[in-house]
PDB file of N, CA and C in Angstrom:
ATOM      1  N   MET A   1      24.125  13.358  -6.602  1.00  0.00           N
ATOM      2  CA  MET A   1      22.983  12.694  -6.004  1.00  0.00           C
ATOM      3  C   MET A   1      23.469  11.887  -4.803  1.00  0.00           C
ATOM      4  N   LYS A   2      22.782  12.059  -3.674  1.00  0.00           N
ATOM      5  CA  LYS A   2      23.145  11.354  -2.455  1.00  0.00           C
ATOM      6  C   LYS A   2      22.592   9.931  -2.489  1.00  0.00           C
ATOM      7  N   LYS A   3      23.404   8.984  -2.109  1.00  0.00           N
ATOM      8  CA  LYS A   3      23.021   7.577  -2.120  1.00  0.00           C
ATOM      9  C   LYS A   3      22.384   7.205  -0.776  1.00  0.00           C
ATOM     10  N   ALA A   4      21.250   6.500  -0.838  1.00  0.00           N
ATOM     11  CA  ALA A   4      20.579   6.049   0.382  1.00  0.00           C
ATOM     12  C   ALA A   4      21.364   4.911   1.010  1.00  0.00           C
ATOM     13  N   SER A   5      21.317   4.869   2.336  1.00  0.00           N
ATOM     14  CA  SER A   5      22.026   3.806   3.042  1.00  0.00           C
ATOM     15  C   SER A   5      21.283   2.482   2.891  1.00  0.00           C
ATOM     16  N   LYS A   6      22.007   1.404   3.050  1.00  0.00           N
ATOM     17  CA  LYS A   6      21.409   0.069   2.977  1.00  0.00           C
ATOM     18  C   LYS A   6      20.307  -0.081   4.015  1.00  0.00           C
ATOM     19  N   GLU A   7      20.511   0.479   5.205  1.00  0.00           N
ATOM     20  CA  GLU A   7      19.511   0.382   6.274  1.00  0.00           C
ATOM     21  C   GLU A   7      18.211   1.086   5.879  1.00  0.00           C
ATOM     22  N   LYS A   8      18.322   2.261   5.259  1.00  0.00           N
ATOM     23  CA  LYS A   8      17.122   2.984   4.827  1.00  0.00           C
ATOM     24  C   LYS A   8      16.392   2.228   3.727  1.00  0.00           C
ATOM     25  N   ILE A   9      17.131   1.670   2.811  1.00  0.00           N
ATOM     26  CA  ILE A   9      16.526   0.893   1.727  1.00  0.00           C
ATOM     27  C   ILE A   9      15.847  -0.352   2.282  1.00  0.00           C
ATOM     28  N   ASP A  10      16.520  -1.050   3.206  1.00  0.00           N
ATOM     29  CA  ASP A  10      15.931  -2.244   3.817  1.00  0.00           C
ATOM     30  C   ASP A  10      14.640  -1.911   4.559  1.00  0.00           C
ATOM     31  N   LYS A  11      14.629  -0.804   5.313  1.00  0.00           N
ATOM     32  CA  LYS A  11      13.424  -0.398   6.053  1.00  0.00           C
ATOM     33  C   LYS A  11      12.297  -0.070   5.092  1.00  0.00           C
ATOM     34  N   LEU A  12      12.607   0.643   4.015  1.00  0.00           N
ATOM     35  CA  LEU A  12      11.590   0.989   3.036  1.00  0.00           C
ATOM     36  C   LEU A  12      10.978  -0.258   2.418  1.00  0.00           C
ATOM     37  N   LEU A  13      11.800  -1.238   2.077  1.00  0.00           N
ATOM     38  CA  LEU A  13      11.292  -2.474   1.481  1.00  0.00           C
ATOM     39  C   LEU A  13      10.397  -3.238   2.456  1.00  0.00           C
ATOM     40  N   VAL A  14      10.782  -3.276   3.725  1.00  0.00           N
ATOM     41  CA  VAL A  14       9.961  -3.944   4.745  1.00  0.00           C
ATOM     42  C   VAL A  14       8.636  -3.199   4.914  1.00  0.00           C
ATOM     43  N   ASP A  15       8.675  -1.868   4.952  1.00  0.00           N
ATOM     44  CA  ASP A  15       7.451  -1.073   5.091  1.00  0.00           C
ATOM     45  C   ASP A  15       6.521  -1.284   3.894  1.00  0.00           C
ATOM     46  N   ILE A  16       7.073  -1.313   2.698  1.00  0.00           N
ATOM     47  CA  ILE A  16       6.255  -1.563   1.501  1.00  0.00           C
ATOM     48  C   ILE A  16       5.591  -2.925   1.595  1.00  0.00           C
ATOM     49  N   GLN A  17       6.343  -3.927   2.007  1.00  0.00           N
ATOM     50  CA  GLN A  17       5.783  -5.274   2.126  1.00  0.00           C
ATOM     51  C   GLN A  17       4.654  -5.306   3.153  1.00  0.00           C
ATOM     52  N   LYS A  18       4.847  -4.691   4.317  1.00  0.00           N
ATOM     53  CA  LYS A  18       3.805  -4.654   5.341  1.00  0.00           C
ATOM     54  C   LYS A  18       2.545  -3.981   4.813  1.00  0.00           C
ATOM     55  N   PHE A  19       2.740  -2.856   4.130  1.00  0.00           N
ATOM     56  CA  PHE A  19       1.595  -2.105   3.629  1.00  0.00           C
ATOM     57  C   PHE A  19       0.835  -2.901   2.570  1.00  0.00           C
ATOM     58  N   ILE A  20       1.544  -3.490   1.631  1.00  0.00           N
ATOM     59  CA  ILE A  20       0.886  -4.257   0.565  1.00  0.00           C
ATOM     60  C   ILE A  20       0.175  -5.484   1.139  1.00  0.00           C
ATOM     61  N   GLU A  21       0.761  -6.138   2.125  1.00  0.00           N
ATOM     62  CA  GLU A  21       0.097  -7.280   2.752  1.00  0.00           C
ATOM     63  C   GLU A  21      -1.202  -6.846   3.429  1.00  0.00           C
ATOM     64  N   ALA A  22      -1.181  -5.723   4.142  1.00  0.00           N
ATOM     65  CA  ALA A  22      -2.396  -5.221   4.787  1.00  0.00           C
ATOM     66  C   ALA A  22      -3.442  -4.834   3.743  1.00  0.00           C
ATOM     67  N   GLU A  23      -2.997  -4.225   2.656  1.00  0.00           N
ATOM     68  CA  GLU A  23      -3.905  -3.852   1.572  1.00  0.00           C
ATOM     69  C   GLU A  23      -4.531  -5.105   0.944  1.00  0.00           C
ATOM     70  N   ASN A  24      -3.730  -6.129   0.682  1.00  0.00           N
ATOM     71  CA  ASN A  24      -4.248  -7.375   0.122  1.00  0.00           C
ATOM     72  C   ASN A  24      -5.276  -8.004   1.048  1.00  0.00           C
ATOM     73  N   GLN A  25      -5.007  -8.003   2.349  1.00  0.00           N
ATOM     74  CA  GLN A  25      -5.961  -8.556   3.315  1.00  0.00           C
ATOM     75  C   GLN A  25      -7.273  -7.776   3.302  1.00  0.00           C
ATOM     76  N   ALA A  26      -7.192  -6.463   3.148  1.00  0.00           N
ATOM     77  CA  ALA A  26      -8.398  -5.642   3.105  1.00  0.00           C
ATOM     78  C   ALA A  26      -9.229  -5.951   1.855  1.00  0.00           C
ATOM     79  N   PHE A  27      -8.568  -6.122   0.721  1.00  0.00           N
ATOM     80  CA  PHE A  27      -9.293  -6.476  -0.502  1.00  0.00           C
ATOM     81  C   PHE A  27      -9.915  -7.868  -0.362  1.00  0.00           C
ATOM     82  N   ASP A  28      -9.180  -8.813   0.216  1.00  0.00           N
ATOM     83  CA  ASP A  28      -9.722 -10.157   0.419  1.00  0.00           C
ATOM     84  C   ASP A  28     -10.938 -10.120   1.347  1.00  0.00           C
ATOM     85  N   ALA A  29     -10.832  -9.371   2.441  1.00  0.00           N
ATOM     86  CA  ALA A  29     -11.934  -9.281   3.410  1.00  0.00           C
ATOM     87  C   ALA A  29     -13.170  -8.642   2.786  1.00  0.00           C
ATOM     88  N   ALA A  30     -12.969  -7.700   1.873  1.00  0.00           N
ATOM     89  CA  ALA A  30     -14.086  -7.040   1.195  1.00  0.00           C
ATOM     90  C   ALA A  30     -14.620  -7.867   0.031  1.00  0.00           C
ATOM     91  N   GLY A  31     -13.898  -8.922  -0.337  1.00  0.00           N
ATOM     92  CA  GLY A  31     -14.330  -9.750  -1.467  1.00  0.00           C
ATOM     93  C   GLY A  31     -14.183  -9.044  -2.804  1.00  0.00           C
ATOM     94  N   LEU A  32     -13.218  -8.148  -2.903  1.00  0.00           N
ATOM     95  CA  LEU A  32     -13.013  -7.368  -4.124  1.00  0.00           C
ATOM     96  C   LEU A  32     -11.680  -7.680  -4.782  1.00  0.00           C
ATOM     97  N   GLU A  33     -11.659  -7.600  -6.097  1.00  0.00           N
ATOM     98  CA  GLU A  33     -10.400  -7.641  -6.842  1.00  0.00           C
ATOM     99  C   GLU A  33      -9.976  -6.240  -7.218  1.00  0.00           C
ATOM    100  N   VAL A  34     -10.970  -5.414  -7.588  1.00  0.00           N
ATOM    101  CA  VAL A  34     -10.707  -4.031  -7.948  1.00  0.00           C
ATOM    102  C   VAL A  34     -11.674  -3.137  -7.176  1.00  0.00           C
ATOM    103  N   GLY A  35     -11.326  -1.873  -7.084  1.00  0.00           N
ATOM    104  CA  GLY A  35     -12.160  -0.923  -6.361  1.00  0.00           C
ATOM    105  C   GLY A  35     -11.338  -0.173  -5.336  1.00  0.00           C
ATOM    106  N   ARG A  36     -12.013   0.222  -4.255  1.00  0.00           N
ATOM    107  CA  ARG A  36     -11.375   1.013  -3.205  1.00  0.00           C
ATOM    108  C   ARG A  36     -11.717   0.405  -1.850  1.00  0.00           C
ATOM    109  N   VAL A  37     -10.717   0.244  -0.999  1.00  0.00           N
ATOM    110  CA  VAL A  37     -10.931  -0.243   0.356  1.00  0.00           C
ATOM    111  C   VAL A  37     -10.194   0.666   1.336  1.00  0.00           C
ATOM    112  N   GLU A  38     -10.694   0.706   2.559  1.00  0.00           N
ATOM    113  CA  GLU A  38     -10.011   1.404   3.637  1.00  0.00           C
ATOM    114  C   GLU A  38      -9.565   0.363   4.650  1.00  0.00           C
ATOM    115  N   PHE A  39      -8.413   0.598   5.255  1.00  0.00           N
ATOM    116  CA  PHE A  39      -7.887  -0.337   6.240  1.00  0.00           C
ATOM    117  C   PHE A  39      -6.941   0.402   7.177  1.00  0.00           C
ATOM    118  N   GLU A  40      -6.577  -0.252   8.265  1.00  0.00           N
ATOM    119  CA  GLU A  40      -5.654   0.350   9.221  1.00  0.00           C
ATOM    120  C   GLU A  40      -4.226   0.242   8.708  1.00  0.00           C
ATOM    121  N   CYS A  41      -3.532   1.352   8.697  1.00  0.00           N
ATOM    122  CA  CYS A  41      -2.147   1.361   8.237  1.00  0.00           C
ATOM    123  C   CYS A  41      -1.289   0.538   9.197  1.00  0.00           C
ATOM    124  N   PRO A  42      -0.539  -0.416   8.681  1.00  0.00           N
ATOM    125  CA  PRO A  42       0.307  -1.236   9.544  1.00  0.00           C
ATOM    126  C   PRO A  42       1.530  -0.479  10.059  1.00  0.00           C
ATOM    127  N   LEU A  43       1.783   0.701   9.538  1.00  0.00           N
ATOM    128  CA  LEU A  43       2.962   1.469   9.940  1.00  0.00           C
ATOM    129  C   LEU A  43       2.659   2.458  11.056  1.00  0.00           C
ATOM    130  N   CYS A  44       1.472   3.104  11.009  1.00  0.00           N
ATOM    131  CA  CYS A  44       1.169   4.131  12.013  1.00  0.00           C
ATOM    132  C   CYS A  44      -0.181   3.944  12.689  1.00  0.00           C
ATOM    133  N   GLY A  45      -1.023   3.030  12.170  1.00  0.00           N
ATOM    134  CA  GLY A  45      -2.357   2.828  12.735  1.00  0.00           C
ATOM    135  C   GLY A  45      -3.400   3.785  12.185  1.00  0.00           C
ATOM    136  N   GLY A  46      -3.013   4.664  11.265  1.00  0.00           N
ATOM    137  CA  GLY A  46      -3.943   5.622  10.667  1.00  0.00           C
ATOM    138  C   GLY A  46      -4.828   4.980   9.617  1.00  0.00           C
ATOM    139  N   LYS A  47      -5.647   5.822   8.974  1.00  0.00           N
ATOM    140  CA  LYS A  47      -6.548   5.346   7.922  1.00  0.00           C
ATOM    141  C   LYS A  47      -5.793   5.253   6.608  1.00  0.00           C
ATOM    142  N   ALA A  48      -5.763   4.050   6.060  1.00  0.00           N
ATOM    143  CA  ALA A  48      -5.114   3.816   4.779  1.00  0.00           C
ATOM    144  C   ALA A  48      -6.172   3.478   3.741  1.00  0.00           C
ATOM    145  N   VAL A  49      -5.861   3.777   2.492  1.00  0.00           N
ATOM    146  CA  VAL A  49      -6.776   3.543   1.378  1.00  0.00           C
ATOM    147  C   VAL A  49      -6.039   2.745   0.313  1.00  0.00           C
ATOM    148  N   GLY A  50      -6.695   1.717  -0.191  1.00  0.00           N
ATOM    149  CA  GLY A  50      -6.158   0.938  -1.299  1.00  0.00           C
ATOM    150  C   GLY A  50      -7.038   1.117  -2.517  1.00  0.00           C
ATOM    151  N   ASN A  51      -6.434   1.404  -3.646  1.00  0.00           N
ATOM    152  CA  ASN A  51      -7.162   1.576  -4.913  1.00  0.00           C
ATOM    153  C   ASN A  51      -6.608   0.596  -5.936  1.00  0.00           C
ATOM    154  N   ARG A  52      -7.506  -0.120  -6.588  1.00  0.00           N
ATOM    155  CA  ARG A  52      -7.110  -1.024  -7.669  1.00  0.00           C
ATOM    156  C   ARG A  52      -8.068  -0.854  -8.838  1.00  0.00           C
ATOM    157  N   TYR A  53      -7.527  -0.996 -10.040  1.00  0.00           N
ATOM    158  CA  TYR A  53      -8.333  -0.880 -11.254  1.00  0.00           C
ATOM    159  C   TYR A  53      -7.892  -1.951 -12.242  1.00  0.00           C
ATOM    160  N   MET A  54      -8.759  -2.234 -13.202  1.00  0.00           N
ATOM    161  CA  MET A  54      -8.459  -3.198 -14.252  1.00  0.00           C
ATOM    162  C   MET A  54      -8.219  -2.430 -15.539  1.00  0.00           C
ATOM    163  N   PHE A  55      -7.096  -2.721 -16.198  1.00  0.00           N
ATOM    164  CA  PHE A  55      -6.792  -2.078 -17.473  1.00  0.00           C
ATOM    165  C   PHE A  55      -6.049  -3.081 -18.334  1.00  0.00           C
ATOM    166  N   GLY A  56      -6.572  -3.334 -19.495  1.00  0.00           N
ATOM    167  CA  GLY A  56      -5.937  -4.260 -20.419  1.00  0.00           C
ATOM    168  C   GLY A  56      -5.819  -5.676 -19.867  1.00  0.00           C
ATOM    169  N   GLY A  57      -6.779  -6.058 -19.046  1.00  0.00           N
ATOM    170  CA  GLY A  57      -6.765  -7.391 -18.470  1.00  0.00           C
ATOM    171  C   GLY A  57      -5.842  -7.558 -17.270  1.00  0.00           C
ATOM    172  N   ARG A  58      -5.226  -6.470 -16.821  1.00  0.00           N
ATOM    173  CA  ARG A  58      -4.326  -6.528 -15.670  1.00  0.00           C
ATOM    174  C   ARG A  58      -4.823  -5.601 -14.568  1.00  0.00           C
ATOM    175  N   ILE A  59      -4.568  -6.022 -13.339  1.00  0.00           N
ATOM    176  CA  ILE A  59      -4.942  -5.211 -12.187  1.00  0.00           C
ATOM    177  C   ILE A  59      -3.770  -4.313 -11.821  1.00  0.00           C
ATOM    178  N   GLY A  60      -4.068  -3.046 -11.632  1.00  0.00           N
ATOM    179  CA  GLY A  60      -3.056  -2.079 -11.222  1.00  0.00           C
ATOM    180  C   GLY A  60      -3.567  -1.283 -10.041  1.00  0.00           C
ATOM    181  N   GLY A  61      -2.717  -0.474  -9.495  1.00  0.00           N
ATOM    182  CA  GLY A  61      -3.108   0.367  -8.375  1.00  0.00           C
ATOM    183  C   GLY A  61      -2.531   1.752  -8.536  1.00  0.00           C
ATOM    184  N   LEU A  62      -3.262   2.733  -8.075  1.00  0.00           N
ATOM    185  CA  LEU A  62      -2.801   4.104  -8.159  1.00  0.00           C
ATOM    186  C   LEU A  62      -3.456   4.887  -7.032  1.00  0.00           C
ATOM    187  N   GLY A  63      -2.670   5.608  -6.285  1.00  0.00           N
ATOM    188  CA  GLY A  63      -3.219   6.437  -5.220  1.00  0.00           C
ATOM    189  C   GLY A  63      -3.427   5.719  -3.906  1.00  0.00           C
ATOM    190  N   SER A  64      -2.845   4.539  -3.728  1.00  0.00           N
ATOM    191  CA  SER A  64      -2.953   3.835  -2.460  1.00  0.00           C
ATOM    192  C   SER A  64      -1.987   4.461  -1.463  1.00  0.00           C
ATOM    193  N   GLY A  65      -2.454   4.665  -0.245  1.00  0.00           N
ATOM    194  CA  GLY A  65      -1.576   5.246   0.759  1.00  0.00           C
ATOM    195  C   GLY A  65      -2.288   5.487   2.063  1.00  0.00           C
ATOM    196  N   CYS A  66      -1.583   6.097   2.999  1.00  0.00           N
ATOM    197  CA  CYS A  66      -2.092   6.360   4.333  1.00  0.00           C
ATOM    198  C   CYS A  66      -2.288   7.848   4.530  1.00  0.00           C
ATOM    199  N   THR A  67      -3.419   8.236   5.133  1.00  0.00           N
ATOM    200  CA  THR A  67      -3.673   9.635   5.417  1.00  0.00           C
ATOM    201  C   THR A  67      -2.988  10.069   6.709  1.00  0.00           C
ATOM    202  N   GLY A  68      -2.517   9.106   7.516  1.00  0.00           N
ATOM    203  CA  GLY A  68      -1.850   9.427   8.784  1.00  0.00           C
ATOM    204  C   GLY A  68      -0.380   9.725   8.629  1.00  0.00           C
ATOM    205  N   CYS A  69       0.361   8.761   8.089  1.00  0.00           N
ATOM    206  CA  CYS A  69       1.824   8.925   7.965  1.00  0.00           C
ATOM    207  C   CYS A  69       2.241   9.305   6.554  1.00  0.00           C
ATOM    208  N   ASP A  70       1.274   9.418   5.644  1.00  0.00           N
ATOM    209  CA  ASP A  70       1.519   9.830   4.261  1.00  0.00           C
ATOM    210  C   ASP A  70       2.327   8.810   3.467  1.00  0.00           C
ATOM    211  N   PHE A  71       2.390   7.558   3.948  1.00  0.00           N
ATOM    212  CA  PHE A  71       3.105   6.500   3.226  1.00  0.00           C
ATOM    213  C   PHE A  71       2.324   6.141   1.978  1.00  0.00           C
ATOM    214  N   SER A  72       3.014   5.918   0.886  1.00  0.00           N
ATOM    215  CA  SER A  72       2.387   5.510  -0.366  1.00  0.00           C
ATOM    216  C   SER A  72       3.325   4.568  -1.094  1.00  0.00           C
ATOM    217  N   HIS A  73       2.760   3.541  -1.720  1.00  0.00           N
ATOM    218  CA  HIS A  73       3.596   2.617  -2.492  1.00  0.00           C
ATOM    219  C   HIS A  73       3.372   2.796  -3.983  1.00  0.00           C
ATOM    220  N   THR A  74       2.579   3.788  -4.355  1.00  0.00           N
ATOM    221  CA  THR A  74       2.346   4.054  -5.778  1.00  0.00           C
ATOM    222  C   THR A  74       2.842   5.413  -6.169  1.00  0.00           C
TER     223      THR A  74
END
């Protein structure tokens, strides 16, 4: 198995943080805790989708990502 470089790992972590922050802002702007929101991808400017659901009293996400650059954090 090939090991990822520190630079690639660092970039991925920064990209995940940017995406999750943009997703959180979109949910806040929509006044939602759970559901589906669309927002501008902070990585490529494309259409991104955030999905959140409630299960067992906890909020989770599945299928959140960008249709432009295909970035996904789930």
